[in-house]
mmCIF file of all heavy atoms, coordinates in Angstrom:
data_MODEL
# 
_entry.id   MODEL 
# 
loop_
_atom_site.group_PDB 
_atom_site.id 
_atom_site.type_symbol 
_atom_site.label_atom_id 
_atom_site.label_alt_id 
_atom_site.label_comp_id 
_atom_site.label_asym_id 
_atom_site.label_entity_id 
_atom_site.label_seq_id 
_atom_site.pdbx_PDB_ins_code 
_atom_site.Cartn_x 
_atom_site.Cartn_y 
_atom_site.Cartn_z 
_atom_site.occupancy 
_atom_site.B_iso_or_equiv 
_atom_site.pdbx_formal_charge 
_atom_site.auth_seq_id 
_atom_site.auth_comp_id 
_atom_site.auth_asym_id 
_atom_site.auth_atom_id 
_atom_site.pdbx_PDB_model_num 
ATOM 1   N N   . PHE A 1 1  ? 46.304 19.610 -209.627 1.00 0.00 ? 1  PHE A N   1 
ATOM 2   C CA  . PHE A 1 1  ? 45.470 20.767 -209.342 1.00 0.00 ? 1  PHE A CA  1 
ATOM 3   C C   . PHE A 1 1  ? 44.013 20.366 -209.162 1.00 0.00 ? 1  PHE A C   1 
ATOM 4   O O   . PHE A 1 1  ? 43.362 20.746 -208.196 1.00 0.00 ? 1  PHE A O   1 
ATOM 5   C CB  . PHE A 1 1  ? 45.601 21.816 -210.446 1.00 0.00 ? 1  PHE A CB  1 
ATOM 6   C CG  . PHE A 1 1  ? 44.808 23.053 -210.160 1.00 0.00 ? 1  PHE A CG  1 
ATOM 7   C CD1 . PHE A 1 1  ? 45.302 24.009 -209.290 1.00 0.00 ? 1  PHE A CD1 1 
ATOM 8   C CD2 . PHE A 1 1  ? 43.573 23.250 -210.735 1.00 0.00 ? 1  PHE A CD2 1 
ATOM 9   C CE1 . PHE A 1 1  ? 44.566 25.137 -208.999 1.00 0.00 ? 1  PHE A CE1 1 
ATOM 10  C CE2 . PHE A 1 1  ? 42.829 24.373 -210.464 1.00 0.00 ? 1  PHE A CE2 1 
ATOM 11  C CZ  . PHE A 1 1  ? 43.332 25.329 -209.589 1.00 0.00 ? 1  PHE A CZ  1 
ATOM 12  N N   . SER A 1 2  ? 43.495 19.563 -210.103 1.00 0.00 ? 2  SER A N   1 
ATOM 13  C CA  . SER A 1 2  ? 42.069 19.227 -210.039 1.00 0.00 ? 2  SER A CA  1 
ATOM 14  C C   . SER A 1 2  ? 41.750 18.307 -208.868 1.00 0.00 ? 2  SER A C   1 
ATOM 15  O O   . SER A 1 2  ? 40.698 18.438 -208.254 1.00 0.00 ? 2  SER A O   1 
ATOM 16  C CB  . SER A 1 2  ? 41.600 18.609 -211.349 1.00 0.00 ? 2  SER A CB  1 
ATOM 17  O OG  . SER A 1 2  ? 42.303 17.427 -211.612 1.00 0.00 ? 2  SER A OG  1 
ATOM 18  N N   . SER A 1 3  ? 42.638 17.388 -208.534 1.00 0.00 ? 3  SER A N   1 
ATOM 19  C CA  . SER A 1 3  ? 42.347 16.492 -207.415 1.00 0.00 ? 3  SER A CA  1 
ATOM 20  C C   . SER A 1 3  ? 42.727 17.112 -206.079 1.00 0.00 ? 3  SER A C   1 
ATOM 21  O O   . SER A 1 3  ? 42.082 16.860 -205.071 1.00 0.00 ? 3  SER A O   1 
ATOM 22  C CB  . SER A 1 3  ? 43.085 15.169 -207.586 1.00 0.00 ? 3  SER A CB  1 
ATOM 23  O OG  . SER A 1 3  ? 44.473 15.375 -207.479 1.00 0.00 ? 3  SER A OG  1 
ATOM 24  N N   . GLY A 1 4  ? 43.770 17.933 -206.063 1.00 0.00 ? 4  GLY A N   1 
ATOM 25  C CA  . GLY A 1 4  ? 44.230 18.502 -204.800 1.00 0.00 ? 4  GLY A CA  1 
ATOM 26  C C   . GLY A 1 4  ? 43.411 19.663 -204.318 1.00 0.00 ? 4  GLY A C   1 
ATOM 27  O O   . GLY A 1 4  ? 42.833 19.628 -203.233 1.00 0.00 ? 4  GLY A O   1 
ATOM 28  N N   . ILE A 1 5  ? 43.339 20.710 -205.118 1.00 0.00 ? 5  ILE A N   1 
ATOM 29  C CA  . ILE A 1 5  ? 42.622 21.888 -204.638 1.00 0.00 ? 5  ILE A CA  1 
ATOM 30  C C   . ILE A 1 5  ? 41.656 22.475 -205.643 1.00 0.00 ? 5  ILE A C   1 
ATOM 31  O O   . ILE A 1 5  ? 40.963 23.439 -205.318 1.00 0.00 ? 5  ILE A O   1 
ATOM 32  C CB  . ILE A 1 5  ? 43.589 22.985 -204.168 1.00 0.00 ? 5  ILE A CB  1 
ATOM 33  C CG1 . ILE A 1 5  ? 44.347 23.600 -205.317 1.00 0.00 ? 5  ILE A CG1 1 
ATOM 34  C CG2 . ILE A 1 5  ? 44.500 22.506 -203.091 1.00 0.00 ? 5  ILE A CG2 1 
ATOM 35  C CD1 . ILE A 1 5  ? 45.065 24.871 -204.952 1.00 0.00 ? 5  ILE A CD1 1 
ATOM 36  N N   . GLY A 1 6  ? 41.580 21.940 -206.815 1.00 0.00 ? 6  GLY A N   1 
ATOM 37  C CA  . GLY A 1 6  ? 40.725 22.535 -207.835 1.00 0.00 ? 6  GLY A CA  1 
ATOM 38  C C   . GLY A 1 6  ? 39.289 22.713 -207.399 1.00 0.00 ? 6  GLY A C   1 
ATOM 39  O O   . GLY A 1 6  ? 38.735 23.807 -207.442 1.00 0.00 ? 6  GLY A O   1 
ATOM 40  N N   . ILE A 1 7  ? 38.657 21.639 -206.947 1.00 0.00 ? 7  ILE A N   1 
ATOM 41  C CA  . ILE A 1 7  ? 37.255 21.727 -206.564 1.00 0.00 ? 7  ILE A CA  1 
ATOM 42  C C   . ILE A 1 7  ? 37.103 22.545 -205.297 1.00 0.00 ? 7  ILE A C   1 
ATOM 43  O O   . ILE A 1 7  ? 36.153 23.311 -205.143 1.00 0.00 ? 7  ILE A O   1 
ATOM 44  C CB  . ILE A 1 7  ? 36.614 20.334 -206.446 1.00 0.00 ? 7  ILE A CB  1 
ATOM 45  C CG1 . ILE A 1 7  ? 35.093 20.444 -206.355 1.00 0.00 ? 7  ILE A CG1 1 
ATOM 46  C CG2 . ILE A 1 7  ? 37.174 19.572 -205.265 1.00 0.00 ? 7  ILE A CG2 1 
ATOM 47  C CD1 . ILE A 1 7  ? 34.458 20.991 -207.602 1.00 0.00 ? 7  ILE A CD1 1 
ATOM 48  N N   . SER A 1 8  ? 38.028 22.413 -204.355 1.00 0.00 ? 8  SER A N   1 
ATOM 49  C CA  . SER A 1 8  ? 37.946 23.192 -203.119 1.00 0.00 ? 8  SER A CA  1 
ATOM 50  C C   . SER A 1 8  ? 38.105 24.673 -203.395 1.00 0.00 ? 8  SER A C   1 
ATOM 51  O O   . SER A 1 8  ? 37.442 25.504 -202.777 1.00 0.00 ? 8  SER A O   1 
ATOM 52  C CB  . SER A 1 8  ? 39.019 22.730 -202.133 1.00 0.00 ? 8  SER A CB  1 
ATOM 53  O OG  . SER A 1 8  ? 38.804 21.399 -201.769 1.00 0.00 ? 8  SER A OG  1 
ATOM 54  N N   . LEU A 1 9  ? 38.985 24.998 -204.315 1.00 0.00 ? 9  LEU A N   1 
ATOM 55  C CA  . LEU A 1 9  ? 39.190 26.399 -204.651 1.00 0.00 ? 9  LEU A CA  1 
ATOM 56  C C   . LEU A 1 9  ? 37.935 26.991 -205.280 1.00 0.00 ? 9  LEU A C   1 
ATOM 57  O O   . LEU A 1 9  ? 37.551 28.119 -204.979 1.00 0.00 ? 9  LEU A O   1 
ATOM 58  C CB  . LEU A 1 9  ? 40.387 26.545 -205.598 1.00 0.00 ? 9  LEU A CB  1 
ATOM 59  C CG  . LEU A 1 9  ? 40.901 27.949 -205.844 1.00 0.00 ? 9  LEU A CG  1 
ATOM 60  C CD1 . LEU A 1 9  ? 41.291 28.612 -204.548 1.00 0.00 ? 9  LEU A CD1 1 
ATOM 61  C CD2 . LEU A 1 9  ? 42.089 27.907 -206.768 1.00 0.00 ? 9  LEU A CD2 1 
ATOM 62  N N   . LEU A 1 10 ? 37.259 26.213 -206.107 1.00 0.00 ? 10 LEU A N   1 
ATOM 63  C CA  . LEU A 1 10 ? 36.003 26.689 -206.681 1.00 0.00 ? 10 LEU A CA  1 
ATOM 64  C C   . LEU A 1 10 ? 34.947 26.873 -205.597 1.00 0.00 ? 10 LEU A C   1 
ATOM 65  O O   . LEU A 1 10 ? 34.172 27.818 -205.611 1.00 0.00 ? 10 LEU A O   1 
ATOM 66  C CB  . LEU A 1 10 ? 35.496 25.717 -207.747 1.00 0.00 ? 10 LEU A CB  1 
ATOM 67  C CG  . LEU A 1 10 ? 36.270 25.710 -209.053 1.00 0.00 ? 10 LEU A CG  1 
ATOM 68  C CD1 . LEU A 1 10 ? 35.766 24.611 -209.959 1.00 0.00 ? 10 LEU A CD1 1 
ATOM 69  C CD2 . LEU A 1 10 ? 36.184 27.049 -209.753 1.00 0.00 ? 10 LEU A CD2 1 
ATOM 70  N N   . TYR A 1 11 ? 34.930 25.966 -204.649 1.00 0.00 ? 11 TYR A N   1 
ATOM 71  C CA  . TYR A 1 11 ? 33.920 26.021 -203.596 1.00 0.00 ? 11 TYR A CA  1 
ATOM 72  C C   . TYR A 1 11 ? 34.236 27.102 -202.566 1.00 0.00 ? 11 TYR A C   1 
ATOM 73  O O   . TYR A 1 11 ? 33.373 27.878 -202.188 1.00 0.00 ? 11 TYR A O   1 
ATOM 74  C CB  . TYR A 1 11 ? 33.810 24.644 -202.928 1.00 0.00 ? 11 TYR A CB  1 
ATOM 75  C CG  . TYR A 1 11 ? 32.741 24.586 -201.885 1.00 0.00 ? 11 TYR A CG  1 
ATOM 76  C CD1 . TYR A 1 11 ? 31.396 24.503 -202.243 1.00 0.00 ? 11 TYR A CD1 1 
ATOM 77  C CD2 . TYR A 1 11 ? 33.064 24.627 -200.538 1.00 0.00 ? 11 TYR A CD2 1 
ATOM 78  C CE1 . TYR A 1 11 ? 30.409 24.454 -201.286 1.00 0.00 ? 11 TYR A CE1 1 
ATOM 79  C CE2 . TYR A 1 11 ? 32.076 24.580 -199.573 1.00 0.00 ? 11 TYR A CE2 1 
ATOM 80  C CZ  . TYR A 1 11 ? 30.751 24.495 -199.950 1.00 0.00 ? 11 TYR A CZ  1 
ATOM 81  O OH  . TYR A 1 11 ? 29.780 24.459 -198.997 1.00 0.00 ? 11 TYR A OH  1 
ATOM 82  N N   . PHE A 1 12 ? 35.484 27.129 -202.085 1.00 0.00 ? 12 PHE A N   1 
ATOM 83  C CA  . PHE A 1 12 ? 35.862 28.056 -201.025 1.00 0.00 ? 12 PHE A CA  1 
ATOM 84  C C   . PHE A 1 12 ? 36.492 29.344 -201.544 1.00 0.00 ? 12 PHE A C   1 
ATOM 85  O O   . PHE A 1 12 ? 36.775 30.248 -200.775 1.00 0.00 ? 12 PHE A O   1 
ATOM 86  C CB  . PHE A 1 12 ? 36.856 27.401 -200.063 1.00 0.00 ? 12 PHE A CB  1 
ATOM 87  C CG  . PHE A 1 12 ? 36.253 26.316 -199.230 1.00 0.00 ? 12 PHE A CG  1 
ATOM 88  C CD1 . PHE A 1 12 ? 36.612 24.996 -199.429 1.00 0.00 ? 12 PHE A CD1 1 
ATOM 89  C CD2 . PHE A 1 12 ? 35.339 26.615 -198.244 1.00 0.00 ? 12 PHE A CD2 1 
ATOM 90  C CE1 . PHE A 1 12 ? 36.058 23.991 -198.651 1.00 0.00 ? 12 PHE A CE1 1 
ATOM 91  C CE2 . PHE A 1 12 ? 34.778 25.615 -197.467 1.00 0.00 ? 12 PHE A CE2 1 
ATOM 92  C CZ  . PHE A 1 12 ? 35.138 24.296 -197.673 1.00 0.00 ? 12 PHE A CZ  1 
ATOM 93  N N   . GLY A 1 13 ? 36.745 29.427 -202.842 1.00 0.00 ? 13 GLY A N   1 
ATOM 94  C CA  . GLY A 1 13 ? 37.449 30.582 -203.396 1.00 0.00 ? 13 GLY A CA  1 
ATOM 95  C C   . GLY A 1 13 ? 36.825 31.913 -203.044 1.00 0.00 ? 13 GLY A C   1 
ATOM 96  O O   . GLY A 1 13 ? 37.513 32.892 -202.790 1.00 0.00 ? 13 GLY A O   1 
ATOM 97  N N   . ALA A 1 14 ? 35.511 31.981 -203.025 1.00 0.00 ? 14 ALA A N   1 
ATOM 98  C CA  . ALA A 1 14 ? 34.830 33.227 -202.667 1.00 0.00 ? 14 ALA A CA  1 
ATOM 99  C C   . ALA A 1 14 ? 34.351 33.203 -201.222 1.00 0.00 ? 14 ALA A C   1 
ATOM 100 O O   . ALA A 1 14 ? 34.370 34.223 -200.545 1.00 0.00 ? 14 ALA A O   1 
ATOM 101 C CB  . ALA A 1 14 ? 33.640 33.451 -203.588 1.00 0.00 ? 14 ALA A CB  1 
ATOM 102 N N   . SER A 1 15 ? 33.948 32.045 -200.725 1.00 0.00 ? 15 SER A N   1 
ATOM 103 C CA  . SER A 1 15 ? 33.363 32.003 -199.382 1.00 0.00 ? 15 SER A CA  1 
ATOM 104 C C   . SER A 1 15 ? 34.399 32.165 -198.276 1.00 0.00 ? 15 SER A C   1 
ATOM 105 O O   . SER A 1 15 ? 34.097 32.775 -197.251 1.00 0.00 ? 15 SER A O   1 
ATOM 106 C CB  . SER A 1 15 ? 32.573 30.715 -199.181 1.00 0.00 ? 15 SER A CB  1 
ATOM 107 O OG  . SER A 1 15 ? 33.422 29.600 -199.159 1.00 0.00 ? 15 SER A OG  1 
ATOM 108 N N   . GLU A 1 16 ? 35.617 31.650 -198.470 1.00 0.00 ? 16 GLU A N   1 
ATOM 109 C CA  . GLU A 1 16 ? 36.606 31.769 -197.389 1.00 0.00 ? 16 GLU A CA  1 
ATOM 110 C C   . GLU A 1 16 ? 37.011 33.219 -197.138 1.00 0.00 ? 16 GLU A C   1 
ATOM 111 O O   . GLU A 1 16 ? 36.994 33.663 -195.983 1.00 0.00 ? 16 GLU A O   1 
ATOM 112 C CB  . GLU A 1 16 ? 37.838 30.912 -197.649 1.00 0.00 ? 16 GLU A CB  1 
ATOM 113 C CG  . GLU A 1 16 ? 38.804 30.994 -196.487 1.00 0.00 ? 16 GLU A CG  1 
ATOM 114 C CD  . GLU A 1 16 ? 40.013 30.109 -196.615 1.00 0.00 ? 16 GLU A CD  1 
ATOM 115 O OE1 . GLU A 1 16 ? 40.141 29.369 -197.602 1.00 0.00 ? 16 GLU A OE1 1 
ATOM 116 O OE2 . GLU A 1 16 ? 40.856 30.170 -195.703 1.00 0.00 ? 16 GLU A OE2 1 
ATOM 117 N N   . PRO A 1 17 ? 37.381 34.004 -198.160 1.00 0.00 ? 17 PRO A N   1 
ATOM 118 C CA  . PRO A 1 17 ? 37.720 35.399 -197.854 1.00 0.00 ? 17 PRO A CA  1 
ATOM 119 C C   . PRO A 1 17 ? 36.543 36.174 -197.263 1.00 0.00 ? 17 PRO A C   1 
ATOM 120 O O   . PRO A 1 17 ? 36.734 37.008 -196.381 1.00 0.00 ? 17 PRO A O   1 
ATOM 121 C CB  . PRO A 1 17 ? 38.144 35.995 -199.193 1.00 0.00 ? 17 PRO A CB  1 
ATOM 122 C CG  . PRO A 1 17 ? 38.107 34.922 -200.189 1.00 0.00 ? 17 PRO A CG  1 
ATOM 123 C CD  . PRO A 1 17 ? 37.608 33.673 -199.553 1.00 0.00 ? 17 PRO A CD  1 
ATOM 124 N N   . LEU A 1 18 ? 35.329 35.883 -197.721 1.00 0.00 ? 18 LEU A N   1 
ATOM 125 C CA  . LEU A 1 18 ? 34.165 36.560 -197.153 1.00 0.00 ? 18 LEU A CA  1 
ATOM 126 C C   . LEU A 1 18 ? 33.954 36.168 -195.697 1.00 0.00 ? 18 LEU A C   1 
ATOM 127 O O   . LEU A 1 18 ? 33.619 37.005 -194.849 1.00 0.00 ? 18 LEU A O   1 
ATOM 128 C CB  . LEU A 1 18 ? 32.911 36.242 -197.969 1.00 0.00 ? 18 LEU A CB  1 
ATOM 129 C CG  . LEU A 1 18 ? 32.803 36.949 -199.312 1.00 0.00 ? 18 LEU A CG  1 
ATOM 130 C CD1 . LEU A 1 18 ? 31.624 36.414 -200.113 1.00 0.00 ? 18 LEU A CD1 1 
ATOM 131 C CD2 . LEU A 1 18 ? 32.690 38.447 -199.121 1.00 0.00 ? 18 LEU A CD2 1 
ATOM 132 N N   . ASP A 1 19 ? 34.153 34.901 -195.394 1.00 0.00 ? 19 ASP A N   1 
ATOM 133 C CA  . ASP A 1 19 ? 34.024 34.450 -194.006 1.00 0.00 ? 19 ASP A CA  1 
ATOM 134 C C   . ASP A 1 19 ? 35.050 35.144 -193.116 1.00 0.00 ? 19 ASP A C   1 
ATOM 135 O O   . ASP A 1 19 ? 34.726 35.596 -192.012 1.00 0.00 ? 19 ASP A O   1 
ATOM 136 C CB  . ASP A 1 19 ? 34.178 32.929 -193.933 1.00 0.00 ? 19 ASP A CB  1 
ATOM 137 C CG  . ASP A 1 19 ? 34.001 32.420 -192.514 1.00 0.00 ? 19 ASP A CG  1 
ATOM 138 O OD1 . ASP A 1 19 ? 33.015 32.817 -191.861 1.00 0.00 ? 19 ASP A OD1 1 
ATOM 139 O OD2 . ASP A 1 19 ? 34.846 31.634 -192.059 1.00 0.00 ? 19 ASP A OD2 1 
ATOM 140 N N   . HIS A 1 20 ? 36.297 35.232 -193.583 1.00 0.00 ? 20 HIS A N   1 
ATOM 141 C CA  . HIS A 1 20 ? 37.327 35.916 -192.796 1.00 0.00 ? 20 HIS A CA  1 
ATOM 142 C C   . HIS A 1 20 ? 37.050 37.418 -192.691 1.00 0.00 ? 20 HIS A C   1 
ATOM 143 O O   . HIS A 1 20 ? 37.402 38.043 -191.705 1.00 0.00 ? 20 HIS A O   1 
ATOM 144 C CB  . HIS A 1 20 ? 38.714 35.690 -193.402 1.00 0.00 ? 20 HIS A CB  1 
ATOM 145 C CG  . HIS A 1 20 ? 39.187 34.270 -193.296 1.00 0.00 ? 20 HIS A CG  1 
ATOM 146 N ND1 . HIS A 1 20 ? 39.159 33.550 -192.134 1.00 0.00 ? 20 HIS A ND1 1 
ATOM 147 C CD2 . HIS A 1 20 ? 39.695 33.437 -194.234 1.00 0.00 ? 20 HIS A CD2 1 
ATOM 148 C CE1 . HIS A 1 20 ? 39.627 32.336 -192.345 1.00 0.00 ? 20 HIS A CE1 1 
ATOM 149 N NE2 . HIS A 1 20 ? 39.958 32.245 -193.618 1.00 0.00 ? 20 HIS A NE2 1 
ATOM 150 N N   . TYR A 1 21 ? 36.433 37.983 -193.703 1.00 0.00 ? 21 TYR A N   1 
ATOM 151 C CA  . TYR A 1 21 ? 36.106 39.411 -193.689 1.00 0.00 ? 21 TYR A CA  1 
ATOM 152 C C   . TYR A 1 21 ? 35.030 39.717 -192.640 1.00 0.00 ? 21 TYR A C   1 
ATOM 153 O O   . TYR A 1 21 ? 35.127 40.683 -191.898 1.00 0.00 ? 21 TYR A O   1 
ATOM 154 C CB  . TYR A 1 21 ? 35.631 39.846 -195.079 1.00 0.00 ? 21 TYR A CB  1 
ATOM 155 C CG  . TYR A 1 21 ? 35.236 41.294 -195.195 1.00 0.00 ? 21 TYR A CG  1 
ATOM 156 C CD1 . TYR A 1 21 ? 36.180 42.313 -195.055 1.00 0.00 ? 21 TYR A CD1 1 
ATOM 157 C CD2 . TYR A 1 21 ? 33.926 41.649 -195.467 1.00 0.00 ? 21 TYR A CD2 1 
ATOM 158 C CE1 . TYR A 1 21 ? 35.819 43.638 -195.182 1.00 0.00 ? 21 TYR A CE1 1 
ATOM 159 C CE2 . TYR A 1 21 ? 33.557 42.965 -195.599 1.00 0.00 ? 21 TYR A CE2 1 
ATOM 160 C CZ  . TYR A 1 21 ? 34.504 43.967 -195.449 1.00 0.00 ? 21 TYR A CZ  1 
ATOM 161 O OH  . TYR A 1 21 ? 34.157 45.281 -195.573 1.00 0.00 ? 21 TYR A OH  1 
ATOM 162 N N   . PHE A 1 22 ? 34.013 38.846 -192.572 1.00 0.00 ? 22 PHE A N   1 
ATOM 163 C CA  . PHE A 1 22 ? 32.930 39.077 -191.622 1.00 0.00 ? 22 PHE A CA  1 
ATOM 164 C C   . PHE A 1 22 ? 33.189 38.459 -190.251 1.00 0.00 ? 22 PHE A C   1 
ATOM 165 O O   . PHE A 1 22 ? 32.516 38.807 -189.276 1.00 0.00 ? 22 PHE A O   1 
ATOM 166 C CB  . PHE A 1 22 ? 31.602 38.567 -192.190 1.00 0.00 ? 22 PHE A CB  1 
ATOM 167 C CG  . PHE A 1 22 ? 31.106 39.407 -193.326 1.00 0.00 ? 22 PHE A CG  1 
ATOM 168 C CD1 . PHE A 1 22 ? 31.037 38.889 -194.603 1.00 0.00 ? 22 PHE A CD1 1 
ATOM 169 C CD2 . PHE A 1 22 ? 30.730 40.728 -193.119 1.00 0.00 ? 22 PHE A CD2 1 
ATOM 170 C CE1 . PHE A 1 22 ? 30.583 39.673 -195.660 1.00 0.00 ? 22 PHE A CE1 1 
ATOM 171 C CE2 . PHE A 1 22 ? 30.280 41.513 -194.168 1.00 0.00 ? 22 PHE A CE2 1 
ATOM 172 C CZ  . PHE A 1 22 ? 30.209 40.987 -195.440 1.00 0.00 ? 22 PHE A CZ  1 
ATOM 173 N N   . ASN A 1 23 ? 34.137 37.538 -190.161 1.00 0.00 ? 23 ASN A N   1 
ATOM 174 C CA  . ASN A 1 23 ? 34.517 36.908 -188.885 1.00 0.00 ? 23 ASN A CA  1 
ATOM 175 C C   . ASN A 1 23 ? 36.040 36.876 -188.784 1.00 0.00 ? 23 ASN A C   1 
ATOM 176 O O   . ASN A 1 23 ? 36.641 35.803 -188.810 1.00 0.00 ? 23 ASN A O   1 
ATOM 177 C CB  . ASN A 1 23 ? 33.960 35.487 -188.799 1.00 0.00 ? 23 ASN A CB  1 
ATOM 178 C CG  . ASN A 1 23 ? 32.467 35.444 -188.935 1.00 0.00 ? 23 ASN A CG  1 
ATOM 179 O OD1 . ASN A 1 23 ? 31.754 36.018 -188.123 1.00 0.00 ? 23 ASN A OD1 1 
ATOM 180 N ND2 . ASN A 1 23 ? 31.987 34.775 -189.973 1.00 0.00 ? 23 ASN A ND2 1 
ATOM 181 N N   . PRO A 1 24 ? 36.692 38.032 -188.671 1.00 0.00 ? 24 PRO A N   1 
ATOM 182 C CA  . PRO A 1 24 ? 38.154 38.056 -188.673 1.00 0.00 ? 24 PRO A CA  1 
ATOM 183 C C   . PRO A 1 24 ? 38.729 37.470 -187.382 1.00 0.00 ? 24 PRO A C   1 
ATOM 184 O O   . PRO A 1 24 ? 38.053 37.491 -186.343 1.00 0.00 ? 24 PRO A O   1 
ATOM 185 C CB  . PRO A 1 24 ? 38.479 39.545 -188.779 1.00 0.00 ? 24 PRO A CB  1 
ATOM 186 C CG  . PRO A 1 24 ? 37.313 40.225 -188.167 1.00 0.00 ? 24 PRO A CG  1 
ATOM 187 C CD  . PRO A 1 24 ? 36.123 39.366 -188.489 1.00 0.00 ? 24 PRO A CD  1 
ATOM 188 N N   . PRO A 1 25 ? 39.953 36.946 -187.452 1.00 0.00 ? 25 PRO A N   1 
ATOM 189 C CA  . PRO A 1 25 ? 40.566 36.400 -186.247 1.00 0.00 ? 25 PRO A CA  1 
ATOM 190 C C   . PRO A 1 25 ? 40.882 37.489 -185.220 1.00 0.00 ? 25 PRO A C   1 
ATOM 191 O O   . PRO A 1 25 ? 40.921 37.223 -184.026 1.00 0.00 ? 25 PRO A O   1 
ATOM 192 C CB  . PRO A 1 25 ? 41.837 35.721 -186.745 1.00 0.00 ? 25 PRO A CB  1 
ATOM 193 C CG  . PRO A 1 25 ? 42.073 36.273 -188.098 1.00 0.00 ? 25 PRO A CG  1 
ATOM 194 C CD  . PRO A 1 25 ? 40.783 36.754 -188.630 1.00 0.00 ? 25 PRO A CD  1 
ATOM 195 N N   . GLU A 1 26 ? 41.113 38.704 -185.679 1.00 0.00 ? 26 GLU A N   1 
ATOM 196 C CA  . GLU A 1 26 ? 41.407 39.833 -184.782 1.00 0.00 ? 26 GLU A CA  1 
ATOM 197 C C   . GLU A 1 26 ? 40.659 41.062 -185.269 1.00 0.00 ? 26 GLU A C   1 
ATOM 198 O O   . GLU A 1 26 ? 40.559 41.297 -186.469 1.00 0.00 ? 26 GLU A O   1 
ATOM 199 C CB  . GLU A 1 26 ? 42.904 40.142 -184.779 1.00 0.00 ? 26 GLU A CB  1 
ATOM 200 C CG  . GLU A 1 26 ? 43.760 39.058 -184.195 1.00 0.00 ? 26 GLU A CG  1 
ATOM 201 C CD  . GLU A 1 26 ? 45.229 39.395 -184.281 1.00 0.00 ? 26 GLU A CD  1 
ATOM 202 O OE1 . GLU A 1 26 ? 45.583 40.461 -184.818 1.00 0.00 ? 26 GLU A OE1 1 
ATOM 203 O OE2 . GLU A 1 26 ? 46.038 38.589 -183.813 1.00 0.00 ? 26 GLU A OE2 1 
ATOM 204 N N   . GLY A 1 27 ? 40.173 41.868 -184.348 1.00 0.00 ? 27 GLY A N   1 
ATOM 205 C CA  . GLY A 1 27 ? 39.563 43.137 -184.702 1.00 0.00 ? 27 GLY A CA  1 
ATOM 206 C C   . GLY A 1 27 ? 38.113 43.026 -185.124 1.00 0.00 ? 27 GLY A C   1 
ATOM 207 O O   . GLY A 1 27 ? 37.496 41.951 -185.071 1.00 0.00 ? 27 GLY A O   1 
# 
């Protein structure tokens, strides 16, 4: 967990959904 996605999840955990919310693939 810590080597695979732990740090990425902490970094992107909030920014990725917000990015998709403000820049959705459709609509």
